[in-house]
Amino acid sequence: MSDILKYKDYYATISFSSEDEVFYGQLVGITDLVMFEGDSVKKLKIAFHEAVDDYLDTCKELGKVPEKKYKGSFNVRISSELHRQAALVAAVKNVTLNDFVRYALDLTIKKESKLILK
C-alpha cells in the first residue's frame, strides 16, 4: 500500500527506492505525468508542493484545465468466475450488474476513504 499526500486538493502516491535511497511520488487524478522526489520526508513534501504549484502555473500559462475529467464509465477486467459470481448476486438482489458494481465501489470507497482521504 502506498502512502498519500494531499495539497490544494491534489493527491499523490508516495514510494521509496531503496536502490536510489530516495522517496518519490506521482500526482494522481490528472491526465499529465507529474512526478517529484526527495531524499527525506521533509524534502519530499516540499518537492510535492512545488510540483503542484508548478503544474498549476504551467496549466494556467497554456490555458489548460488542470484536472482530469471523469466521464463516469470505465472497463474493468476480472476473471470469468468473478464475473459469474457478481452476475448471480446481482440477479438474486434483482439489480443490474452495473448497479451491483456501483454499490460495491461505493461501499469500499466509504470504508477506505476514512483511511486514505483524511
Protein backbone atom coordinates (compact mmCIF):
# COMPACT_ATOMS: atom_id res chain seq x y z
CA MET A 1 0.00 0.00 0.00
CA SER A 2 1.31 3.43 -0.93
CA ASP A 3 1.08 6.49 1.23
CA ILE A 4 -0.87 9.51 0.02
CA LEU A 5 -0.04 13.21 0.23
CA LYS A 6 -2.61 15.99 -0.26
CA TYR A 7 -2.04 19.62 -1.18
CA LYS A 8 -4.52 22.09 -2.73
CA ASP A 9 -6.97 19.22 -3.40
CA TYR A 10 -4.34 17.28 -5.34
CA TYR A 11 -3.22 13.84 -4.26
CA ALA A 12 0.00 11.95 -4.86
CA THR A 13 1.11 8.40 -4.19
CA ILE A 14 4.45 8.04 -2.45
CA SER A 15 7.05 5.27 -2.73
CA PHE A 16 10.63 4.67 -1.68
CA SER A 17 13.51 3.42 -3.83
CA SER A 18 15.99 1.56 -1.64
CA GLU A 19 18.39 1.36 -4.57
CA ASP A 20 18.46 5.15 -5.07
CA GLU A 21 17.71 5.93 -1.40
CA VAL A 22 15.07 8.45 -2.40
CA PHE A 23 11.36 8.99 -1.82
CA TYR A 24 9.37 9.70 -4.98
CA GLY A 25 5.80 10.49 -5.80
CA GLN A 26 3.36 10.99 -8.62
CA LEU A 27 0.21 13.09 -8.81
CA VAL A 28 -2.93 11.02 -9.33
CA GLY A 29 -6.25 12.02 -10.89
CA ILE A 30 -4.75 14.16 -13.65
CA THR A 31 -4.08 13.41 -17.29
CA ASP A 32 -0.47 14.66 -17.22
CA LEU A 33 2.53 12.93 -15.69
CA VAL A 34 3.81 14.93 -12.72
CA MET A 35 6.48 13.33 -10.54
CA PHE A 36 8.71 14.59 -7.74
CA GLU A 37 11.30 13.25 -5.31
CA GLY A 38 13.25 13.99 -2.16
CA ASP A 39 15.91 12.29 -0.06
CA SER A 40 13.96 12.99 3.15
CA VAL A 41 10.30 13.23 4.06
CA LYS A 42 10.64 16.97 4.56
CA LYS A 43 12.25 17.44 1.13
CA LEU A 44 9.66 15.15 -0.46
CA LYS A 45 6.81 17.27 0.90
CA ILE A 46 8.47 20.46 -0.31
CA ALA A 47 9.01 18.91 -3.75
CA PHE A 48 5.35 17.81 -3.83
CA HIS A 49 4.10 21.32 -3.08
CA GLU A 50 6.46 22.75 -5.71
CA ALA A 51 5.31 20.15 -8.27
CA VAL A 52 1.63 21.00 -7.71
CA ASP A 53 2.28 24.75 -7.85
CA ASP A 54 4.40 24.35 -10.99
CA TYR A 55 1.76 22.15 -12.60
CA LEU A 56 -0.98 24.71 -11.89
CA ASP A 57 1.20 27.57 -13.19
CA THR A 58 2.02 25.62 -16.37
CA CYS A 59 -1.65 24.79 -16.98
CA LYS A 60 -2.56 28.46 -16.49
CA GLU A 61 0.13 29.56 -18.97
CA LEU A 62 -1.12 27.01 -21.52
CA GLY A 63 -4.79 27.84 -20.93
CA LYS A 64 -5.37 24.21 -19.99
CA VAL A 65 -7.79 22.82 -17.42
CA PRO A 66 -5.55 21.02 -14.88
CA GLU A 67 -7.88 18.34 -13.61
CA LYS A 68 -8.77 15.14 -15.35
CA LYS A 69 -12.41 14.89 -16.29
CA TYR A 70 -14.03 11.59 -15.37
CA LYS A 71 -16.77 10.51 -17.74
CA GLY A 72 -18.41 8.05 -15.36
CA SER A 73 -17.71 4.84 -17.25
CA PHE A 74 -14.71 2.55 -17.38
CA ASN A 75 -13.87 -1.04 -18.30
CA VAL A 76 -12.87 -3.47 -15.59
CA ARG A 77 -11.05 -6.71 -16.37
CA ILE A 78 -11.94 -9.53 -13.97
CA SER A 79 -11.86 -13.30 -14.09
CA SER A 80 -14.77 -15.10 -15.69
CA GLU A 81 -15.53 -16.73 -12.32
CA LEU A 82 -15.74 -13.39 -10.50
CA HIS A 83 -17.93 -12.07 -13.33
CA ARG A 84 -20.24 -15.08 -12.96
CA GLN A 85 -20.47 -14.67 -9.19
CA ALA A 86 -21.20 -10.95 -9.45
CA ALA A 87 -23.90 -11.57 -12.05
CA LEU A 88 -25.51 -14.21 -9.82
CA VAL A 89 -25.51 -11.95 -6.75
CA ALA A 90 -26.94 -9.10 -8.83
CA ALA A 91 -29.68 -11.38 -10.15
CA VAL A 92 -30.57 -12.61 -6.65
CA LYS A 93 -30.70 -9.00 -5.43
CA ASN A 94 -32.80 -8.12 -8.51
CA VAL A 95 -30.43 -5.34 -9.60
CA THR A 96 -28.39 -4.83 -12.73
CA LEU A 97 -24.74 -5.82 -12.76
CA ASN A 98 -23.87 -2.12 -13.17
CA ASP A 99 -25.87 -1.23 -10.05
CA PHE A 100 -24.23 -4.07 -8.13
CA VAL A 101 -20.73 -2.90 -9.10
CA ARG A 102 -21.65 0.73 -8.33
CA TYR A 103 -22.85 -0.34 -4.88
CA ALA A 104 -19.69 -2.40 -4.23
CA LEU A 105 -17.46 0.51 -5.25
CA ASP A 106 -19.43 2.98 -3.14
CA LEU A 107 -19.24 0.71 -0.09
CA THR A 108 -15.50 0.16 -0.48
CA ILE A 109 -14.74 3.83 -1.07
CA LYS A 110 -16.71 4.90 2.00
CA LYS A 111 -14.72 2.42 4.09
CA GLU A 112 -11.30 3.17 2.60
CA SER A 113 -11.65 6.94 2.26
CA LYS A 114 -11.74 7.24 6.04
CA LEU A 115 -8.18 5.89 5.99
CA ILE A 116 -6.86 7.48 2.79
CA LEU A 117 -8.53 10.84 2.18
CA LYS A 118 -8.12 12.36 5.64
